[in-house]
Amino acid sequence: MKIVAFGSTRRKDTKAKDDPQLQCLVASGAKNACIVAKGSLKHVTKILSTTAEENLEMIRDSVEFLKSSGLNVFVDLEHFYDGYLDDQNYSSQLISTCVDSGVSHIVLCDTNGGSLPKTISAITSSVASALPSLSTSPILGVHCHNDMGLSVANR
């Protein structure tokens, strides 16, 4: 069994080393951390009230801080499937940022639970085929909510 401490990326306009909740993940004693990051540009601008570039930096800085503190890092890309349908280019930048930062797992989220299996399959396959085929490539996972009764169909 693996214990995974759960949190989010650093806050905007803050450095990861100064973010109290990231410090708590390090202090938890867990060897693994999963951080939620915005996976939809609409949510980046409307919910976080920040820029696409700042969101990417929030991911990069948070992952690098946690890794430098000895943690194995998962990134849970919230609203990824909806975000991919809205802006595939930005979704590619999110994946590249995660890979370049050295995450061990990238988790694509159907946070509203309304994506159909065909959509989940096509997008997941597209992301998987774009990942580098290196032994250091992150493991790709899927996290489906069940708001519309589709999570079992999407696994």
N, C-alpha and C. Protein backbone atom coordinates (compact mmCIF):
# COMPACT_ATOMS: atom_id res chain seq x y z
N MET A 1 0.84 -1.17 0.00
CA MET A 1 0.00 0.00 0.00
C MET A 1 0.89 1.23 0.00
N LYS A 2 0.46 2.25 -0.77
CA LYS A 2 1.17 3.51 -0.80
C LYS A 2 0.27 4.60 -0.24
N ILE A 3 0.83 5.41 0.64
CA ILE A 3 0.12 6.57 1.16
C ILE A 3 0.46 7.75 0.25
N VAL A 4 -0.56 8.48 -0.19
CA VAL A 4 -0.37 9.63 -1.07
C VAL A 4 -0.99 10.86 -0.40
N ALA A 5 -0.17 11.86 -0.13
CA ALA A 5 -0.67 13.12 0.41
C ALA A 5 -1.31 13.89 -0.75
N PHE A 6 -2.44 14.53 -0.49
CA PHE A 6 -3.22 15.18 -1.55
C PHE A 6 -3.33 16.67 -1.31
N GLY A 7 -3.04 17.46 -2.35
CA GLY A 7 -3.14 18.91 -2.24
C GLY A 7 -3.34 19.52 -3.61
N SER A 8 -2.83 20.71 -3.79
CA SER A 8 -2.96 21.38 -5.08
C SER A 8 -1.66 22.09 -5.41
N THR A 9 -1.61 22.64 -6.61
CA THR A 9 -0.45 23.44 -6.97
C THR A 9 -0.37 24.65 -6.05
N ARG A 10 0.76 25.30 -6.08
CA ARG A 10 0.90 26.53 -5.31
C ARG A 10 -0.12 27.55 -5.78
N ARG A 11 -0.35 28.53 -4.97
CA ARG A 11 -1.26 29.61 -5.34
C ARG A 11 -0.55 30.55 -6.31
N LYS A 12 -1.35 31.26 -7.09
CA LYS A 12 -0.74 32.23 -8.01
C LYS A 12 -0.03 33.32 -7.20
N ASP A 13 0.98 33.90 -7.78
CA ASP A 13 1.76 34.97 -7.16
C ASP A 13 2.46 34.54 -5.87
N THR A 14 2.72 33.25 -5.74
CA THR A 14 3.43 32.70 -4.57
C THR A 14 4.49 31.73 -5.10
N LYS A 15 5.57 31.60 -4.42
CA LYS A 15 6.56 30.57 -4.78
C LYS A 15 6.18 29.27 -4.06
N ALA A 16 6.44 28.15 -4.69
CA ALA A 16 6.08 26.86 -4.09
C ALA A 16 6.69 26.69 -2.70
N LYS A 17 7.93 27.11 -2.54
CA LYS A 17 8.61 26.94 -1.24
C LYS A 17 7.93 27.74 -0.14
N ASP A 18 7.15 28.75 -0.51
CA ASP A 18 6.46 29.60 0.46
C ASP A 18 4.99 29.25 0.62
N ASP A 19 4.50 28.27 -0.10
CA ASP A 19 3.08 27.91 -0.06
C ASP A 19 2.82 26.96 1.13
N PRO A 20 1.98 27.38 2.08
CA PRO A 20 1.76 26.58 3.29
C PRO A 20 1.21 25.17 3.02
N GLN A 21 0.32 25.02 2.05
CA GLN A 21 -0.23 23.68 1.84
C GLN A 21 0.78 22.76 1.18
N LEU A 22 1.68 23.28 0.34
CA LEU A 22 2.75 22.43 -0.20
C LEU A 22 3.73 22.05 0.90
N GLN A 23 4.00 22.96 1.80
CA GLN A 23 4.85 22.65 2.95
C GLN A 23 4.22 21.54 3.80
N CYS A 24 2.89 21.55 3.92
CA CYS A 24 2.21 20.49 4.67
C CYS A 24 2.35 19.13 3.98
N LEU A 25 2.32 19.12 2.65
CA LEU A 25 2.51 17.86 1.94
C LEU A 25 3.89 17.28 2.24
N VAL A 26 4.90 18.14 2.25
CA VAL A 26 6.26 17.70 2.55
C VAL A 26 6.34 17.21 4.00
N ALA A 27 5.73 17.95 4.92
CA ALA A 27 5.78 17.61 6.34
C ALA A 27 4.93 16.39 6.70
N SER A 28 4.07 15.94 5.79
CA SER A 28 3.16 14.83 6.08
C SER A 28 3.89 13.51 6.34
N GLY A 29 5.09 13.40 5.81
CA GLY A 29 5.82 12.14 5.95
C GLY A 29 5.52 11.15 4.84
N ALA A 30 4.55 11.47 3.99
CA ALA A 30 4.25 10.60 2.85
C ALA A 30 5.39 10.69 1.85
N LYS A 31 5.59 9.62 1.13
CA LYS A 31 6.63 9.61 0.10
C LYS A 31 6.07 10.01 -1.27
N ASN A 32 4.74 10.08 -1.35
CA ASN A 32 4.06 10.40 -2.59
C ASN A 32 3.11 11.57 -2.36
N ALA A 33 3.00 12.46 -3.36
CA ALA A 33 2.06 13.56 -3.29
C ALA A 33 1.31 13.66 -4.61
N CYS A 34 0.03 13.90 -4.51
CA CYS A 34 -0.80 14.16 -5.69
C CYS A 34 -1.30 15.59 -5.57
N ILE A 35 -1.00 16.38 -6.59
CA ILE A 35 -1.47 17.77 -6.58
C ILE A 35 -2.46 17.98 -7.72
N VAL A 36 -3.54 18.65 -7.41
CA VAL A 36 -4.54 19.01 -8.40
C VAL A 36 -4.08 20.28 -9.10
N ALA A 37 -4.21 20.28 -10.41
CA ALA A 37 -3.88 21.45 -11.22
C ALA A 37 -5.03 21.69 -12.19
N LYS A 38 -5.23 22.91 -12.56
CA LYS A 38 -6.28 23.22 -13.53
C LYS A 38 -5.88 22.68 -14.89
N GLY A 39 -6.76 21.87 -15.49
CA GLY A 39 -6.51 21.28 -16.80
C GLY A 39 -7.37 21.88 -17.88
N SER A 40 -8.02 22.99 -17.59
CA SER A 40 -8.86 23.67 -18.55
C SER A 40 -8.52 25.16 -18.53
N LEU A 41 -8.22 25.70 -19.69
CA LEU A 41 -7.86 27.12 -19.77
C LEU A 41 -9.01 28.00 -19.28
N LYS A 42 -10.25 27.60 -19.53
CA LYS A 42 -11.39 28.38 -19.02
C LYS A 42 -11.34 28.49 -17.51
N HIS A 43 -11.00 27.42 -16.83
CA HIS A 43 -10.93 27.44 -15.37
C HIS A 43 -9.72 28.24 -14.88
N VAL A 44 -8.66 28.18 -15.63
CA VAL A 44 -7.47 28.96 -15.28
C VAL A 44 -7.82 30.45 -15.25
N THR A 45 -8.48 30.91 -16.30
CA THR A 45 -8.78 32.33 -16.39
C THR A 45 -9.97 32.75 -15.53
N LYS A 46 -11.01 31.91 -15.45
CA LYS A 46 -12.21 32.30 -14.72
C LYS A 46 -12.19 31.96 -13.23
N ILE A 47 -11.64 30.83 -12.87
CA ILE A 47 -11.63 30.39 -11.47
C ILE A 47 -10.37 30.90 -10.75
N LEU A 48 -9.22 30.68 -11.37
CA LEU A 48 -7.97 31.13 -10.74
C LEU A 48 -7.66 32.60 -11.02
N SER A 49 -8.34 33.16 -12.00
CA SER A 49 -8.09 34.55 -12.42
C SER A 49 -6.62 34.80 -12.70
N THR A 50 -6.06 33.90 -13.50
CA THR A 50 -4.66 34.04 -13.88
C THR A 50 -4.48 33.69 -15.35
N THR A 51 -3.24 33.68 -15.79
CA THR A 51 -2.93 33.42 -17.20
C THR A 51 -2.57 31.96 -17.44
N ALA A 52 -2.62 31.60 -18.70
CA ALA A 52 -2.21 30.25 -19.10
C ALA A 52 -0.77 29.99 -18.68
N GLU A 53 0.09 30.97 -18.89
CA GLU A 53 1.51 30.82 -18.56
C GLU A 53 1.73 30.65 -17.06
N GLU A 54 1.00 31.43 -16.27
CA GLU A 54 1.14 31.32 -14.81
C GLU A 54 0.69 29.95 -14.32
N ASN A 55 -0.38 29.41 -14.91
CA ASN A 55 -0.84 28.07 -14.51
C ASN A 55 0.24 27.03 -14.79
N LEU A 56 0.88 27.13 -15.96
CA LEU A 56 1.96 26.20 -16.28
C LEU A 56 3.12 26.36 -15.29
N GLU A 57 3.43 27.59 -14.92
CA GLU A 57 4.50 27.82 -13.96
C GLU A 57 4.11 27.32 -12.56
N MET A 58 2.84 27.44 -12.22
CA MET A 58 2.37 26.92 -10.92
C MET A 58 2.59 25.41 -10.85
N ILE A 59 2.31 24.72 -11.95
CA ILE A 59 2.52 23.27 -12.01
C ILE A 59 4.01 22.98 -11.89
N ARG A 60 4.80 23.61 -12.75
CA ARG A 60 6.25 23.36 -12.79
C ARG A 60 6.91 23.62 -11.43
N ASP A 61 6.63 24.78 -10.86
CA ASP A 61 7.24 25.17 -9.59
C ASP A 61 6.82 24.21 -8.47
N SER A 62 5.55 23.85 -8.45
CA SER A 62 5.05 22.95 -7.40
C SER A 62 5.68 21.56 -7.50
N VAL A 63 5.72 21.03 -8.71
CA VAL A 63 6.32 19.70 -8.91
C VAL A 63 7.79 19.72 -8.54
N GLU A 64 8.51 20.71 -9.02
CA GLU A 64 9.95 20.78 -8.74
C GLU A 64 10.22 20.93 -7.24
N PHE A 65 9.42 21.72 -6.55
CA PHE A 65 9.58 21.87 -5.10
C PHE A 65 9.34 20.54 -4.39
N LEU A 66 8.26 19.86 -4.72
CA LEU A 66 7.95 18.59 -4.06
C LEU A 66 9.00 17.53 -4.38
N LYS A 67 9.44 17.46 -5.64
CA LYS A 67 10.49 16.50 -5.99
C LYS A 67 11.79 16.80 -5.27
N SER A 68 12.14 18.09 -5.15
CA SER A 68 13.38 18.46 -4.46
C SER A 68 13.30 18.14 -2.97
N SER A 69 12.08 17.97 -2.48
CA SER A 69 11.87 17.60 -1.08
C SER A 69 11.78 16.08 -0.91
N GLY A 70 12.02 15.34 -1.99
CA GLY A 70 12.08 13.89 -1.93
C GLY A 70 10.77 13.17 -2.20
N LEU A 71 9.75 13.86 -2.65
CA LEU A 71 8.47 13.21 -2.91
C LEU A 71 8.35 12.77 -4.36
N ASN A 72 7.64 11.69 -4.54
CA ASN A 72 7.22 11.21 -5.84
C ASN A 72 5.93 11.97 -6.15
N VAL A 73 5.79 12.58 -7.34
CA VAL A 73 4.68 13.50 -7.58
C VAL A 73 3.75 13.03 -8.70
N PHE A 74 2.46 13.05 -8.38
CA PHE A 74 1.38 12.82 -9.33
C PHE A 74 0.74 14.19 -9.59
N VAL A 75 0.33 14.45 -10.83
CA VAL A 75 -0.45 15.66 -11.12
C VAL A 75 -1.81 15.21 -11.65
N ASP A 76 -2.85 15.68 -10.99
CA ASP A 76 -4.23 15.40 -11.31
C ASP A 76 -4.77 16.61 -12.09
N LEU A 77 -4.92 16.48 -13.40
CA LEU A 77 -5.34 17.60 -14.24
C LEU A 77 -6.87 17.71 -14.27
N GLU A 78 -7.37 18.54 -13.38
CA GLU A 78 -8.80 18.74 -13.18
C GLU A 78 -9.45 19.34 -14.44
N HIS A 79 -10.61 18.80 -14.81
CA HIS A 79 -11.37 19.27 -15.99
C HIS A 79 -10.59 19.10 -17.29
N PHE A 80 -9.69 18.11 -17.33
CA PHE A 80 -8.82 17.96 -18.51
C PHE A 80 -9.62 17.68 -19.78
N TYR A 81 -10.57 16.75 -19.72
CA TYR A 81 -11.28 16.36 -20.94
C TYR A 81 -12.07 17.52 -21.54
N ASP A 82 -12.75 18.28 -20.70
CA ASP A 82 -13.46 19.47 -21.18
C ASP A 82 -12.46 20.48 -21.74
N GLY A 83 -11.34 20.66 -21.04
CA GLY A 83 -10.32 21.59 -21.49
C GLY A 83 -9.71 21.18 -22.82
N TYR A 84 -9.52 19.88 -23.01
CA TYR A 84 -8.96 19.38 -24.26
C TYR A 84 -9.89 19.70 -25.43
N LEU A 85 -11.18 19.53 -25.21
CA LEU A 85 -12.15 19.83 -26.27
C LEU A 85 -12.18 21.32 -26.60
N ASP A 86 -11.90 22.15 -25.61
CA ASP A 86 -11.88 23.60 -25.82
C ASP A 86 -10.59 24.09 -26.46
N ASP A 87 -9.45 23.49 -26.06
CA ASP A 87 -8.15 24.02 -26.51
C ASP A 87 -7.09 22.93 -26.44
N GLN A 88 -7.01 22.15 -27.51
CA GLN A 88 -6.07 21.03 -27.56
C GLN A 88 -4.62 21.48 -27.43
N ASN A 89 -4.29 22.64 -27.96
CA ASN A 89 -2.93 23.16 -27.87
C ASN A 89 -2.54 23.40 -26.41
N TYR A 90 -3.42 24.02 -25.63
CA TYR A 90 -3.09 24.26 -24.23
C TYR A 90 -2.99 22.94 -23.46
N SER A 91 -3.85 21.99 -23.80
CA SER A 91 -3.76 20.67 -23.16
C SER A 91 -2.42 20.03 -23.42
N SER A 92 -1.90 20.19 -24.63
CA SER A 92 -0.56 19.66 -24.96
C SER A 92 0.51 20.35 -24.12
N GLN A 93 0.36 21.65 -23.91
CA GLN A 93 1.32 22.38 -23.07
C GLN A 93 1.27 21.88 -21.63
N LEU A 94 0.09 21.57 -21.13
CA LEU A 94 -0.05 21.02 -19.77
C LEU A 94 0.71 19.71 -19.65
N ILE A 95 0.49 18.81 -20.61
CA ILE A 95 1.16 17.50 -20.59
C ILE A 95 2.67 17.69 -20.68
N SER A 96 3.14 18.55 -21.57
CA SER A 96 4.58 18.79 -21.71
C SER A 96 5.18 19.34 -20.42
N THR A 97 4.47 20.25 -19.77
CA THR A 97 4.95 20.82 -18.51
C THR A 97 5.08 19.72 -17.45
N CYS A 98 4.09 18.85 -17.38
CA CYS A 98 4.16 17.75 -16.40
C CYS A 98 5.34 16.83 -16.70
N VAL A 99 5.49 16.46 -17.95
CA VAL A 99 6.59 15.57 -18.35
C VAL A 99 7.94 16.23 -18.06
N ASP A 100 8.10 17.47 -18.49
CA ASP A 100 9.36 18.18 -18.31
C ASP A 100 9.71 18.41 -16.84
N SER A 101 8.68 18.49 -16.00
CA SER A 101 8.90 18.70 -14.56
C SER A 101 9.27 17.40 -13.84
N GLY A 102 9.06 16.28 -14.51
CA GLY A 102 9.46 15.00 -13.93
C GLY A 102 8.43 14.30 -13.07
N VAL A 103 7.14 14.53 -13.35
CA VAL A 103 6.12 13.84 -12.57
C VAL A 103 6.19 12.34 -12.84
N SER A 104 5.75 11.56 -11.87
CA SER A 104 5.73 10.11 -12.07
C SER A 104 4.41 9.65 -12.67
N HIS A 105 3.33 10.40 -12.41
CA HIS A 105 2.00 10.06 -12.91
C HIS A 105 1.29 11.33 -13.37
N ILE A 106 0.63 11.24 -14.51
CA ILE A 106 -0.27 12.28 -14.98
C ILE A 106 -1.66 11.66 -14.98
N VAL A 107 -2.59 12.31 -14.27
CA VAL A 107 -3.94 11.79 -14.18
C VAL A 107 -4.88 12.76 -14.89
N LEU A 108 -5.54 12.27 -15.92
CA LEU A 108 -6.49 13.07 -16.69
C LEU A 108 -7.86 12.94 -16.04
N CYS A 109 -8.50 14.07 -15.77
CA CYS A 109 -9.76 14.05 -15.01
C CYS A 109 -10.96 14.45 -15.85
N ASP A 110 -12.01 13.63 -15.72
CA ASP A 110 -13.33 14.01 -16.22
C ASP A 110 -14.09 14.51 -14.99
N THR A 111 -13.77 15.72 -14.59
CA THR A 111 -14.22 16.25 -13.30
C THR A 111 -15.72 16.45 -13.22
N ASN A 112 -16.37 16.77 -14.33
CA ASN A 112 -17.83 16.94 -14.30
C ASN A 112 -18.57 15.63 -14.52
N GLY A 113 -17.84 14.58 -14.88
CA GLY A 113 -18.44 13.26 -15.02
C GLY A 113 -19.42 13.14 -16.17
N GLY A 114 -19.28 13.97 -17.20
CA GLY A 114 -20.24 13.95 -18.29
C GLY A 114 -19.68 13.54 -19.64
N SER A 115 -18.42 13.15 -19.69
CA SER A 115 -17.83 12.75 -20.97
C SER A 115 -18.25 11.34 -21.32
N LEU A 116 -18.54 11.13 -22.58
CA LEU A 116 -18.93 9.80 -23.05
C LEU A 116 -17.68 8.93 -23.25
N PRO A 117 -17.84 7.59 -23.15
CA PRO A 117 -16.69 6.70 -23.29
C PRO A 117 -15.89 6.92 -24.58
N LYS A 118 -16.56 7.20 -25.68
CA LYS A 118 -15.86 7.43 -26.95
C LYS A 118 -14.93 8.64 -26.84
N THR A 119 -15.37 9.69 -26.16
CA THR A 119 -14.56 10.90 -25.97
C THR A 119 -13.37 10.61 -25.06
N ILE A 120 -13.63 9.95 -23.93
CA ILE A 120 -12.55 9.60 -22.99
C ILE A 120 -11.50 8.75 -23.70
N SER A 121 -11.94 7.76 -24.45
CA SER A 121 -11.02 6.86 -25.15
C SER A 121 -10.18 7.60 -26.18
N ALA A 122 -10.82 8.44 -26.99
CA ALA A 122 -10.09 9.15 -28.05
C ALA A 122 -9.07 10.12 -27.48
N ILE A 123 -9.47 10.89 -26.47
CA ILE A 123 -8.55 11.88 -25.90
C ILE A 123 -7.41 11.18 -25.15
N THR A 124 -7.74 10.16 -24.38
CA THR A 124 -6.70 9.44 -23.63
C THR A 124 -5.70 8.80 -24.60
N SER A 125 -6.19 8.21 -25.67
CA SER A 125 -5.31 7.61 -26.68
C SER A 125 -4.41 8.65 -27.33
N SER A 126 -4.97 9.82 -27.62
CA SER A 126 -4.19 10.90 -28.22
C SER A 126 -3.07 11.36 -27.28
N VAL A 127 -3.40 11.54 -26.00
CA VAL A 127 -2.38 11.96 -25.03
C VAL A 127 -1.33 10.87 -24.86
N ALA A 128 -1.76 9.63 -24.75
CA ALA A 128 -0.81 8.52 -24.56
C ALA A 128 0.15 8.41 -25.74
N SER A 129 -0.36 8.59 -26.95
CA SER A 129 0.52 8.47 -28.13
C SER A 129 1.51 9.63 -28.22
N ALA A 130 1.19 10.75 -27.57
CA ALA A 130 2.09 11.91 -27.60
C ALA A 130 3.16 11.86 -26.52
N LEU A 131 2.98 11.00 -25.52
CA LEU A 131 3.98 10.90 -24.45
C LEU A 131 5.24 10.26 -25.00
N PRO A 132 6.39 10.71 -24.52
CA PRO A 132 7.63 10.09 -24.98
C PRO A 132 7.69 8.64 -24.54
N SER A 133 8.25 7.81 -25.39
CA SER A 133 8.34 6.39 -25.06
C SER A 133 9.68 6.09 -24.41
N LEU A 134 9.92 6.72 -23.29
CA LEU A 134 11.15 6.51 -22.54
C LEU A 134 10.84 5.76 -21.26
N SER A 135 11.82 5.15 -20.68
CA SER A 135 11.60 4.45 -19.42
C SER A 135 11.25 5.43 -18.30
N THR A 136 11.54 6.71 -18.50
CA THR A 136 11.25 7.72 -17.50
C THR A 136 9.92 8.43 -17.74
N SER A 137 9.17 8.00 -18.76
CA SER A 137 7.88 8.62 -19.05
C SER A 137 6.93 8.40 -17.89
N PRO A 138 6.08 9.39 -17.62
CA PRO A 138 5.12 9.22 -16.53
C PRO A 138 4.06 8.19 -16.87
N ILE A 139 3.50 7.61 -15.84
CA ILE A 139 2.35 6.72 -16.00
C ILE A 139 1.14 7.60 -16.22
N LEU A 140 0.30 7.21 -17.16
CA LEU A 140 -0.90 7.97 -17.47
C LEU A 140 -2.09 7.30 -16.81
N GLY A 141 -2.87 8.09 -16.08
CA GLY A 141 -4.06 7.58 -15.43
C GLY A 141 -5.28 8.40 -15.79
N VAL A 142 -6.44 7.88 -15.45
CA VAL A 142 -7.71 8.54 -15.71
C VAL A 142 -8.51 8.56 -14.42
N HIS A 143 -9.16 9.69 -14.17
CA HIS A 143 -9.96 9.88 -12.96
C HIS A 143 -11.32 10.38 -13.42
N CYS A 144 -12.33 9.52 -13.36
CA CYS A 144 -13.66 9.88 -13.86
C CYS A 144 -14.65 10.02 -12.73
N HIS A 145 -15.29 11.16 -12.67
CA HIS A 145 -16.37 11.36 -11.70
C HIS A 145 -17.64 10.70 -12.24
N ASN A 146 -18.62 10.55 -11.37
CA ASN A 146 -19.81 9.81 -11.75
C ASN A 146 -21.07 10.67 -11.76
N ASP A 147 -20.93 11.96 -11.97
CA ASP A 147 -22.08 12.87 -11.93
C ASP A 147 -23.22 12.45 -12.85
N MET A 148 -22.89 11.91 -14.01
CA MET A 148 -23.88 11.50 -14.99
C MET A 148 -23.97 9.98 -15.12
N GLY A 149 -23.39 9.24 -14.16
CA GLY A 149 -23.46 7.79 -14.19
C GLY A 149 -22.56 7.15 -15.24
N LEU A 150 -21.48 7.83 -15.62
CA LEU A 150 -20.63 7.33 -16.68
C LEU A 150 -19.26 6.82 -16.22
N SER A 151 -18.96 6.92 -14.94
CA SER A 151 -17.58 6.59 -14.54
C SER A 151 -17.23 5.13 -14.76
N VAL A 152 -18.15 4.21 -14.54
CA VAL A 152 -17.86 2.80 -14.78
C VAL A 152 -17.67 2.55 -16.27
N ALA A 153 -18.48 3.17 -17.10
CA ALA A 153 -18.35 3.01 -18.55
C ALA A 153 -17.03 3.59 -19.06
N ASN A 154 -16.52 4.59 -18.35
CA ASN A 154 -15.29 5.26 -18.81
C ASN A 154 -14.02 4.66 -18.27
N ARG A 155 -14.07 3.64 -17.49
CA ARG A 155 -12.81 3.10 -16.94
C ARG A 155 -12.15 2.12 -17.87
